[in-house]
């Protein structure tokens, strides 16, 4: 008897999306490997690493992250359309995924993005893999939009946080949805206390890219860090406000989309 085509929809969810790694490893251990992988935002990154056999490397990278190292990846850009250029994160992806094209992957893979000019949902099912991933996780206001075929793309979670519909359209008879946003403000949302390193005098700070070129003024960077991440238990920083707003929106959209196109199995780590 032929096994039905299985698709897995990996949702967005910022840092909580690392849970996708554990879900995929558990499915692999159980002998259930999907034929179709669709991902949004961090879900697209996890899905791409799964189909390219780089899941172990992604897990190693995730486990190596500390607050200090995360801040080191933030290549600030005060003169652009996002606070962060994303070039350093893109370089990490290119170390393992450079030159790969989506249409050549097996199993089939799709990354979901949002077209900025129209708000349309875009399924990136061909072209350069790293470029598609950068587009899929381009959080508005945080990362710069990514241009693909003359269109500016931002985070796919704005239109389809858990892309069950993509799996269905590609022929999946059974769809497993992994939704990491079902608890947007519970314990899963607490990652670390930024105060532990926001006041550190020896913090390694990245350069700021501005209209007059990069600067490495440590005092300015620390001030920017406090504005972005907040200070201890006080008022939230810019990034916290933006991320919480995105999480609220994403959670509501996910509930609506999943109600209209329910998966066969839902996993909420």
C-alpha atoms as a PDB file:
ATOM      1  CA  UNK A   1       0.000   0.000   0.000  1.00  0.00           C
ATOM      2  CA  UNK A   2       1.411   3.388  -1.013  1.00  0.00           C
ATOM      3  CA  UNK A   3       2.049   5.806   1.831  1.00  0.00           C
ATOM      4  CA  UNK A   4       0.092   9.068   1.508  1.00  0.00           C
ATOM      5  CA  UNK A   5       2.105  12.190   0.742  1.00  0.00           C
ATOM      6  CA  UNK A   6       3.063  13.911   3.983  1.00  0.00           C
ATOM      7  CA  UNK A   7       3.716  17.627   4.281  1.00  0.00           C
ATOM      8  CA  UNK A   8       5.023  19.595   7.235  1.00  0.00           C
ATOM      9  CA  UNK A   9       4.294  23.286   7.789  1.00  0.00           C
ATOM     10  CA  UNK A  10       6.891  24.972   9.986  1.00  0.00           C
ATOM     11  CA  UNK A  11       5.646  28.245  11.427  1.00  0.00           C
ATOM     12  CA  UNK A  12       7.350  31.494  12.299  1.00  0.00           C
ATOM     13  CA  UNK A  13       8.099  32.442  15.857  1.00  0.00           C
ATOM     14  CA  UNK A  14      11.456  34.191  16.219  1.00  0.00           C
ATOM     15  CA  UNK A  15      13.731  32.481  18.757  1.00  0.00           C
ATOM     16  CA  UNK A  16      10.988  30.025  19.732  1.00  0.00           C
ATOM     17  CA  UNK A  17      11.371  28.612  16.240  1.00  0.00           C
ATOM     18  CA  UNK A  18      14.431  26.686  17.384  1.00  0.00           C
ATOM     19  CA  UNK A  19      11.848  24.202  18.687  1.00  0.00           C
ATOM     20  CA  UNK A  20      11.403  23.106  15.066  1.00  0.00           C
ATOM     21  CA  UNK A  21      14.764  21.361  15.318  1.00  0.00           C
ATOM     22  CA  UNK A  22      13.547  19.088  18.102  1.00  0.00           C
ATOM     23  CA  UNK A  23      10.295  18.352  16.295  1.00  0.00           C
ATOM     24  CA  UNK A  24      12.074  17.410  13.070  1.00  0.00           C
ATOM     25  CA  UNK A  25      14.614  15.245  14.886  1.00  0.00           C
ATOM     26  CA  UNK A  26      11.796  13.437  16.698  1.00  0.00           C
ATOM     27  CA  UNK A  27       9.946  12.774  13.438  1.00  0.00           C
ATOM     28  CA  UNK A  28      13.136  11.483  11.826  1.00  0.00           C
ATOM     29  CA  UNK A  29      13.759   9.160  14.777  1.00  0.00           C
ATOM     30  CA  UNK A  30      10.203   7.842  14.423  1.00  0.00           C
ATOM     31  CA  UNK A  31      10.769   7.122  10.737  1.00  0.00           C
ATOM     32  CA  UNK A  32       8.305   9.773   9.584  1.00  0.00           C
ATOM     33  CA  UNK A  33      10.058  11.980   7.054  1.00  0.00           C
ATOM     34  CA  UNK A  34       7.864  14.464   5.154  1.00  0.00           C
ATOM     35  CA  UNK A  35       7.705  14.612   1.369  1.00  0.00           C
ATOM     36  CA  UNK A  36       6.911  18.330   1.334  1.00  0.00           C
ATOM     37  CA  UNK A  37       8.376  21.010   3.609  1.00  0.00           C
ATOM     38  CA  UNK A  38       6.921  24.518   3.784  1.00  0.00           C
ATOM     39  CA  UNK A  39       8.320  27.103   6.152  1.00  0.00           C
ATOM     40  CA  UNK A  40       7.725  30.666   7.226  1.00  0.00           C
ATOM     41  CA  UNK A  41      10.403  32.886   8.784  1.00  0.00           C
ATOM     42  CA  UNK A  42      12.491  30.813  11.253  1.00  0.00           C
ATOM     43  CA  UNK A  43      10.433  27.817  10.134  1.00  0.00           C
ATOM     44  CA  UNK A  44      11.813  28.301   6.627  1.00  0.00           C
ATOM     45  CA  UNK A  45      15.366  28.259   7.996  1.00  0.00           C
ATOM     46  CA  UNK A  46      14.733  25.051   9.949  1.00  0.00           C
ATOM     47  CA  UNK A  47      12.996  23.458   6.968  1.00  0.00           C
ATOM     48  CA  UNK A  48      15.814  24.377   4.594  1.00  0.00           C
ATOM     49  CA  UNK A  49      18.397  22.898   6.933  1.00  0.00           C
ATOM     50  CA  UNK A  50      16.314  19.728   7.167  1.00  0.00           C
ATOM     51  CA  UNK A  51      16.011  19.199   3.407  1.00  0.00           C
ATOM     52  CA  UNK A  52      19.728  19.965   2.887  1.00  0.00           C
ATOM     53  CA  UNK A  53      20.814  17.624   5.693  1.00  0.00           C
ATOM     54  CA  UNK A  54      22.167  20.499   7.786  1.00  0.00           C
ATOM     55  CA  UNK A  55      19.847  20.167  10.773  1.00  0.00           C
ATOM     56  CA  UNK A  56      22.672  19.100  13.101  1.00  0.00           C
ATOM     57  CA  UNK A  57      24.675  22.182  12.133  1.00  0.00           C
ATOM     58  CA  UNK A  58      21.670  24.413  12.795  1.00  0.00           C
ATOM     59  CA  UNK A  59      21.204  22.824  16.208  1.00  0.00           C
ATOM     60  CA  UNK A  60      24.861  23.396  17.024  1.00  0.00           C
ATOM     61  CA  UNK A  61      24.542  27.034  15.999  1.00  0.00           C
ATOM     62  CA  UNK A  62      21.396  27.509  18.100  1.00  0.00           C
ATOM     63  CA  UNK A  63      23.007  25.945  21.166  1.00  0.00           C
ATOM     64  CA  UNK A  64      26.068  28.171  20.788  1.00  0.00           C
ATOM     65  CA  UNK A  65      24.060  31.397  20.953  1.00  0.00           C
ATOM     66  CA  UNK A  66      24.467  33.579  24.012  1.00  0.00           C
ATOM     67  CA  UNK A  67      23.101  37.094  24.566  1.00  0.00           C
ATOM     68  CA  UNK A  68      26.564  38.496  23.884  1.00  0.00           C
ATOM     69  CA  UNK A  69      26.980  36.492  20.666  1.00  0.00           C
ATOM     70  CA  UNK A  70      23.501  37.389  19.465  1.00  0.00           C
ATOM     71  CA  UNK A  71      24.323  41.069  19.842  1.00  0.00           C
ATOM     72  CA  UNK A  72      27.487  40.488  17.840  1.00  0.00           C
ATOM     73  CA  UNK A  73      25.385  39.340  14.885  1.00  0.00           C
ATOM     74  CA  UNK A  74      23.394  42.561  14.836  1.00  0.00           C
ATOM     75  CA  UNK A  75      24.955  44.673  12.092  1.00  0.00           C
ATOM     76  CA  UNK A  76      23.044  47.872  12.723  1.00  0.00           C
ATOM     77  CA  UNK A  77      22.083  50.112   9.827  1.00  0.00           C
ATOM     78  CA  UNK A  78      20.609  53.447  10.865  1.00  0.00           C
ATOM     79  CA  UNK A  79      20.351  54.755   7.303  1.00  0.00           C
ATOM     80  CA  UNK A  80      18.390  51.891   5.758  1.00  0.00           C
ATOM     81  CA  UNK A  81      14.897  50.386   5.813  1.00  0.00           C
ATOM     82  CA  UNK A  82      15.677  48.069   8.722  1.00  0.00           C
ATOM     83  CA  UNK A  83      17.641  48.372  11.960  1.00  0.00           C
ATOM     84  CA  UNK A  84      19.767  45.386  10.927  1.00  0.00           C
ATOM     85  CA  UNK A  85      21.211  44.641   7.498  1.00  0.00           C
ATOM     86  CA  UNK A  86      21.178  40.887   8.141  1.00  0.00           C
ATOM     87  CA  UNK A  87      24.465  40.386   6.292  1.00  0.00           C
ATOM     88  CA  UNK A  88      26.138  38.563   9.174  1.00  0.00           C
ATOM     89  CA  UNK A  89      23.262  36.129   9.564  1.00  0.00           C
ATOM     90  CA  UNK A  90      23.164  35.670   5.802  1.00  0.00           C
ATOM     91  CA  UNK A  91      26.870  34.831   5.836  1.00  0.00           C
ATOM     92  CA  UNK A  92      26.197  32.104   8.410  1.00  0.00           C
ATOM     93  CA  UNK A  93      23.590  30.572   6.099  1.00  0.00           C
ATOM     94  CA  UNK A  94      25.847  30.835   3.071  1.00  0.00           C
ATOM     95  CA  UNK A  95      28.574  28.882   4.858  1.00  0.00           C
ATOM     96  CA  UNK A  96      26.412  25.766   4.450  1.00  0.00           C
ATOM     97  CA  UNK A  97      23.751  26.616   1.857  1.00  0.00           C
ATOM     98  CA  UNK A  98      25.581  28.740  -0.709  1.00  0.00           C
ATOM     99  CA  UNK A  99      24.796  27.946  -4.330  1.00  0.00           C
ATOM    100  CA  UNK A 100      21.783  25.748  -3.578  1.00  0.00           C
ATOM    101  CA  UNK A 101      18.612  26.318  -5.574  1.00  0.00           C
ATOM    102  CA  UNK A 102      15.175  25.588  -4.191  1.00  0.00           C
ATOM    103  CA  UNK A 103      13.891  23.749  -7.257  1.00  0.00           C
ATOM    104  CA  UNK A 104      16.736  21.223  -6.950  1.00  0.00           C
ATOM    105  CA  UNK A 105      16.002  20.245  -3.348  1.00  0.00           C
ATOM    106  CA  UNK A 106      14.589  16.898  -2.295  1.00  0.00           C
ATOM    107  CA  UNK A 107      12.173  16.735  -0.537  1.00  0.00           C
ATOM    108  CA  UNK A 108      10.288  19.645  -2.050  1.00  0.00           C
ATOM    109  CA  UNK A 109      10.664  22.920  -0.199  1.00  0.00           C
ATOM    110  CA  UNK A 110       8.873  26.276  -0.207  1.00  0.00           C
ATOM    111  CA  UNK A 111       9.638  29.412   1.808  1.00  0.00           C
ATOM    112  CA  UNK A 112       6.818  31.892   2.394  1.00  0.00           C
ATOM    113  CA  UNK A 113       7.349  35.654   2.172  1.00  0.00           C
ATOM    114  CA  UNK A 114       5.182  38.775   1.943  1.00  0.00           C
ATOM    115  CA  UNK A 115       5.382  41.180  -0.995  1.00  0.00           C
ATOM    116  CA  UNK A 116       5.757  44.619   0.550  1.00  0.00           C
ATOM    117  CA  UNK A 117       4.023  46.675  -2.136  1.00  0.00           C
ATOM    118  CA  UNK A 118       0.810  44.649  -2.311  1.00  0.00           C
ATOM    119  CA  UNK A 119       0.744  42.562   0.861  1.00  0.00           C
ATOM    120  CA  UNK A 120       0.414  39.426  -1.248  1.00  0.00           C
ATOM    121  CA  UNK A 121       1.606  36.059   0.002  1.00  0.00           C
ATOM    122  CA  UNK A 122       4.536  34.804  -2.083  1.00  0.00           C
ATOM    123  CA  UNK A 123       5.633  31.175  -2.310  1.00  0.00           C
ATOM    124  CA  UNK A 124       9.341  31.029  -3.034  1.00  0.00           C
ATOM    125  CA  UNK A 125       9.704  27.648  -4.748  1.00  0.00           C
ATOM    126  CA  UNK A 126      12.625  28.365  -7.045  1.00  0.00           C
ATOM    127  CA  UNK A 127      15.766  30.439  -7.103  1.00  0.00           C
ATOM    128  CA  UNK A 128      18.616  30.942  -4.652  1.00  0.00           C
ATOM    129  CA  UNK A 129      17.882  29.279  -1.316  1.00  0.00           C
ATOM    130  CA  UNK A 130      19.704  31.738   0.954  1.00  0.00           C
ATOM    131  CA  UNK A 131      18.034  34.732  -0.691  1.00  0.00           C
ATOM    132  CA  UNK A 132      14.625  33.125  -0.161  1.00  0.00           C
ATOM    133  CA  UNK A 133      15.380  32.469   3.509  1.00  0.00           C
ATOM    134  CA  UNK A 134      16.534  36.052   4.034  1.00  0.00           C
ATOM    135  CA  UNK A 135      13.245  37.239   2.546  1.00  0.00           C
ATOM    136  CA  UNK A 136      11.134  34.853   4.608  1.00  0.00           C
ATOM    137  CA  UNK A 137      12.558  36.035   7.954  1.00  0.00           C
ATOM    138  CA  UNK A 138      12.889  39.753   7.095  1.00  0.00           C
ATOM    139  CA  UNK A 139      10.973  41.063  10.100  1.00  0.00           C
ATOM    140  CA  UNK A 140       9.623  44.513   9.179  1.00  0.00           C
ATOM    141  CA  UNK A 141      11.572  47.300  10.820  1.00  0.00           C
ATOM    142  CA  UNK A 142      14.190  44.866  12.118  1.00  0.00           C
ATOM    143  CA  UNK A 143      15.751  43.397   8.960  1.00  0.00           C
ATOM    144  CA  UNK A 144      16.059  45.084   5.598  1.00  0.00           C
ATOM    145  CA  UNK A 145      13.544  43.902   2.979  1.00  0.00           C
ATOM    146  CA  UNK A 146      14.955  41.568   0.339  1.00  0.00           C
ATOM    147  CA  UNK A 147      14.485  42.214  -3.367  1.00  0.00           C
ATOM    148  CA  UNK A 148      13.554  39.209  -5.511  1.00  0.00           C
ATOM    149  CA  UNK A 149      12.612  39.609  -9.174  1.00  0.00           C
ATOM    150  CA  UNK A 150      12.046  43.325  -8.700  1.00  0.00           C
ATOM    151  CA  UNK A 151       9.747  42.891  -5.706  1.00  0.00           C
ATOM    152  CA  UNK A 152      10.575  43.741  -2.105  1.00  0.00           C
ATOM    153  CA  UNK A 153       9.916  40.865   0.287  1.00  0.00           C
ATOM    154  CA  UNK A 154       9.420  40.841   4.048  1.00  0.00           C
ATOM    155  CA  UNK A 155       8.574  38.220   6.676  1.00  0.00           C
ATOM    156  CA  UNK A 156       6.029  35.658   5.492  1.00  0.00           C
ATOM    157  CA  UNK A 157       4.489  35.412   8.963  1.00  0.00           C
ATOM    158  CA  UNK A 158       2.550  38.596   8.230  1.00  0.00           C
ATOM    159  CA  UNK A 159       0.288  36.668   5.849  1.00  0.00           C
ATOM    160  CA  UNK A 160       0.732  32.937   6.518  1.00  0.00           C
ATOM    161  CA  UNK A 161       2.443  32.160   9.841  1.00  0.00           C
ATOM    162  CA  UNK A 162       1.958  28.370   9.595  1.00  0.00           C
ATOM    163  CA  UNK A 163       1.832  27.475   5.870  1.00  0.00           C
ATOM    164  CA  UNK A 164      -0.559  24.531   5.888  1.00  0.00           C
ATOM    165  CA  UNK A 165      -2.149  25.812   2.675  1.00  0.00           C
ATOM    166  CA  UNK A 166       1.185  25.528   0.858  1.00  0.00           C
ATOM    167  CA  UNK A 167       1.499  21.848   1.744  1.00  0.00           C
ATOM    168  CA  UNK A 168      -2.072  21.189   0.607  1.00  0.00           C
ATOM    169  CA  UNK A 169      -1.498  22.974  -2.703  1.00  0.00           C
ATOM    170  CA  UNK A 170       1.614  20.895  -3.369  1.00  0.00           C
ATOM    171  CA  UNK A 171      -0.349  17.675  -2.966  1.00  0.00           C
ATOM    172  CA  UNK A 172       0.073  16.670   0.665  1.00  0.00           C
ATOM    173  CA  UNK A 173      -2.667  14.310   1.844  1.00  0.00           C
ATOM    174  CA  UNK A 174      -1.538  14.528   5.458  1.00  0.00           C
ATOM    175  CA  UNK A 175      -0.252  17.825   6.859  1.00  0.00           C
ATOM    176  CA  UNK A 176       1.608  18.239  10.129  1.00  0.00           C
ATOM    177  CA  UNK A 177       1.614  21.831  11.409  1.00  0.00           C
ATOM    178  CA  UNK A 178       4.221  23.014  13.890  1.00  0.00           C
ATOM    179  CA  UNK A 179       2.920  26.170  15.554  1.00  0.00           C
ATOM    180  CA  UNK A 180       5.362  27.765  17.987  1.00  0.00           C
ATOM    181  CA  UNK A 181       3.244  30.908  18.511  1.00  0.00           C
ATOM    182  CA  UNK A 182       0.355  29.294  20.383  1.00  0.00           C
ATOM    183  CA  UNK A 183       1.759  30.710  23.663  1.00  0.00           C
ATOM    184  CA  UNK A 184       3.010  34.171  22.629  1.00  0.00           C
ATOM    185  CA  UNK A 185       3.325  35.551  26.153  1.00  0.00           C
ATOM    186  CA  UNK A 186       3.790  32.443  28.255  1.00  0.00           C
ATOM    187  CA  UNK A 187       6.988  30.917  29.546  1.00  0.00           C
ATOM    188  CA  UNK A 188       8.100  30.049  26.041  1.00  0.00           C
ATOM    189  CA  UNK A 189       8.400  33.745  25.268  1.00  0.00           C
ATOM    190  CA  UNK A 190      11.034  34.408  27.935  1.00  0.00           C
ATOM    191  CA  UNK A 191      14.479  33.828  26.482  1.00  0.00           C
ATOM    192  CA  UNK A 192      16.889  35.704  28.721  1.00  0.00           C
ATOM    193  CA  UNK A 193      17.354  38.868  30.768  1.00  0.00           C
ATOM    194  CA  UNK A 194      19.049  41.507  28.653  1.00  0.00           C
ATOM    195  CA  UNK A 195      20.211  43.282  31.791  1.00  0.00           C
ATOM    196  CA  UNK A 196      22.836  40.585  32.273  1.00  0.00           C
ATOM    197  CA  UNK A 197      24.898  42.064  29.480  1.00  0.00           C
ATOM    198  CA  UNK A 198      23.426  45.470  28.649  1.00  0.00           C
ATOM    199  CA  UNK A 199      25.584  47.065  31.329  1.00  0.00           C
ATOM    200  CA  UNK A 200      28.734  45.032  30.698  1.00  0.00           C
ATOM    201  CA  UNK A 201      31.724  47.315  30.196  1.00  0.00           C
ATOM    202  CA  UNK A 202      33.646  44.755  28.154  1.00  0.00           C
ATOM    203  CA  UNK A 203      30.787  43.867  25.824  1.00  0.00           C
ATOM    204  CA  UNK A 204      31.962  43.269  22.284  1.00  0.00           C
ATOM    205  CA  UNK A 205      30.020  45.729  20.161  1.00  0.00           C
ATOM    206  CA  UNK A 206      29.485  45.618  16.401  1.00  0.00           C
ATOM    207  CA  UNK A 207      29.829  48.572  14.074  1.00  0.00           C
ATOM    208  CA  UNK A 208      26.928  50.806  13.127  1.00  0.00           C
ATOM    209  CA  UNK A 209      26.462  51.399   9.421  1.00  0.00           C
ATOM    210  CA  UNK A 210      25.199  54.901   8.775  1.00  0.00           C
ATOM    211  CA  UNK A 211      25.214  57.555   6.122  1.00  0.00           C
ATOM    212  CA  UNK A 212      28.821  58.471   6.948  1.00  0.00           C
ATOM    213  CA  UNK A 213      30.086  54.892   7.006  1.00  0.00           C
ATOM    214  CA  UNK A 214      30.616  52.486   9.894  1.00  0.00           C
ATOM    215  CA  UNK A 215      31.456  53.612  13.386  1.00  0.00           C
ATOM    216  CA  UNK A 216      32.692  51.596  16.340  1.00  0.00           C
ATOM    217  CA  UNK A 217      31.880  54.000  19.164  1.00  0.00           C
ATOM    218  CA  UNK A 218      31.358  51.624  22.077  1.00  0.00           C
ATOM    219  CA  UNK A 219      29.421  54.177  24.135  1.00  0.00           C
ATOM    220  CA  UNK A 220      27.025  54.857  21.290  1.00  0.00           C
ATOM    221  CA  UNK A 221      26.516  51.136  20.749  1.00  0.00           C
ATOM    222  CA  UNK A 222      25.727  50.530  24.404  1.00  0.00           C
ATOM    223  CA  UNK A 223      23.232  53.390  24.383  1.00  0.00           C
ATOM    224  CA  UNK A 224      21.651  51.959  21.233  1.00  0.00           C
ATOM    225  CA  UNK A 225      21.515  48.541  22.887  1.00  0.00           C
ATOM    226  CA  UNK A 226      19.599  49.940  25.869  1.00  0.00           C
ATOM    227  CA  UNK A 227      17.149  51.665  23.543  1.00  0.00           C
ATOM    228  CA  UNK A 228      16.620  48.495  21.528  1.00  0.00           C
ATOM    229  CA  UNK A 229      16.396  45.923  24.311  1.00  0.00           C
ATOM    230  CA  UNK A 230      15.330  47.939  27.328  1.00  0.00           C
ATOM    231  CA  UNK A 231      17.093  48.221  30.636  1.00  0.00           C
ATOM    232  CA  UNK A 232      16.533  45.592  33.264  1.00  0.00           C
ATOM    233  CA  UNK A 233      12.958  45.457  34.556  1.00  0.00           C
ATOM    234  CA  UNK A 234      12.037  48.942  33.284  1.00  0.00           C
ATOM    235  CA  UNK A 235      10.213  49.990  30.156  1.00  0.00           C
ATOM    236  CA  UNK A 236      10.605  47.652  27.170  1.00  0.00           C
ATOM    237  CA  UNK A 237      13.037  48.553  24.424  1.00  0.00           C
ATOM    238  CA  UNK A 238      12.210  49.204  20.786  1.00  0.00           C
ATOM    239  CA  UNK A 239      12.883  45.625  19.720  1.00  0.00           C
ATOM    240  CA  UNK A 240      10.716  44.212  22.516  1.00  0.00           C
ATOM    241  CA  UNK A 241       7.796  46.417  21.507  1.00  0.00           C
ATOM    242  CA  UNK A 242       8.181  45.503  17.826  1.00  0.00           C
ATOM    243  CA  UNK A 243       8.576  41.788  18.497  1.00  0.00           C
ATOM    244  CA  UNK A 244       5.615  41.645  20.881  1.00  0.00           C
ATOM    245  CA  UNK A 245       3.466  43.496  18.349  1.00  0.00           C
ATOM    246  CA  UNK A 246       4.515  41.080  15.604  1.00  0.00           C
ATOM    247  CA  UNK A 247       3.874  38.084  17.879  1.00  0.00           C
ATOM    248  CA  UNK A 248       0.363  39.332  18.693  1.00  0.00           C
ATOM    249  CA  UNK A 249      -0.427  39.825  15.017  1.00  0.00           C
ATOM    250  CA  UNK A 250       1.119  36.519  14.023  1.00  0.00           C
ATOM    251  CA  UNK A 251      -0.790  34.600  16.691  1.00  0.00           C
ATOM    252  CA  UNK A 252      -4.128  36.054  15.591  1.00  0.00           C
ATOM    253  CA  UNK A 253      -3.454  35.408  11.905  1.00  0.00           C
ATOM    254  CA  UNK A 254      -2.305  31.854  12.643  1.00  0.00           C
ATOM    255  CA  UNK A 255      -5.501  31.106  14.573  1.00  0.00           C
ATOM    256  CA  UNK A 256      -7.617  32.370  11.685  1.00  0.00           C
ATOM    257  CA  UNK A 257      -5.661  30.570   8.964  1.00  0.00           C
ATOM    258  CA  UNK A 258      -5.548  27.272  10.855  1.00  0.00           C
ATOM    259  CA  UNK A 259      -9.287  27.442  11.559  1.00  0.00           C
ATOM    260  CA  UNK A 260     -10.002  27.881   7.855  1.00  0.00           C
ATOM    261  CA  UNK A 261      -7.485  25.290   6.667  1.00  0.00           C
ATOM    262  CA  UNK A 262      -6.863  22.934   9.588  1.00  0.00           C
ATOM    263  CA  UNK A 263      -3.940  20.512   9.500  1.00  0.00           C
ATOM    264  CA  UNK A 264      -4.332  16.835  10.239  1.00  0.00           C
ATOM    265  CA  UNK A 265      -1.875  17.042  13.117  1.00  0.00           C
ATOM    266  CA  UNK A 266      -0.852  20.112  15.115  1.00  0.00           C
ATOM    267  CA  UNK A 267       2.304  20.225  17.220  1.00  0.00           C
ATOM    268  CA  UNK A 268       2.709  23.182  19.581  1.00  0.00           C
ATOM    269  CA  UNK A 269       6.067  22.881  21.380  1.00  0.00           C
END
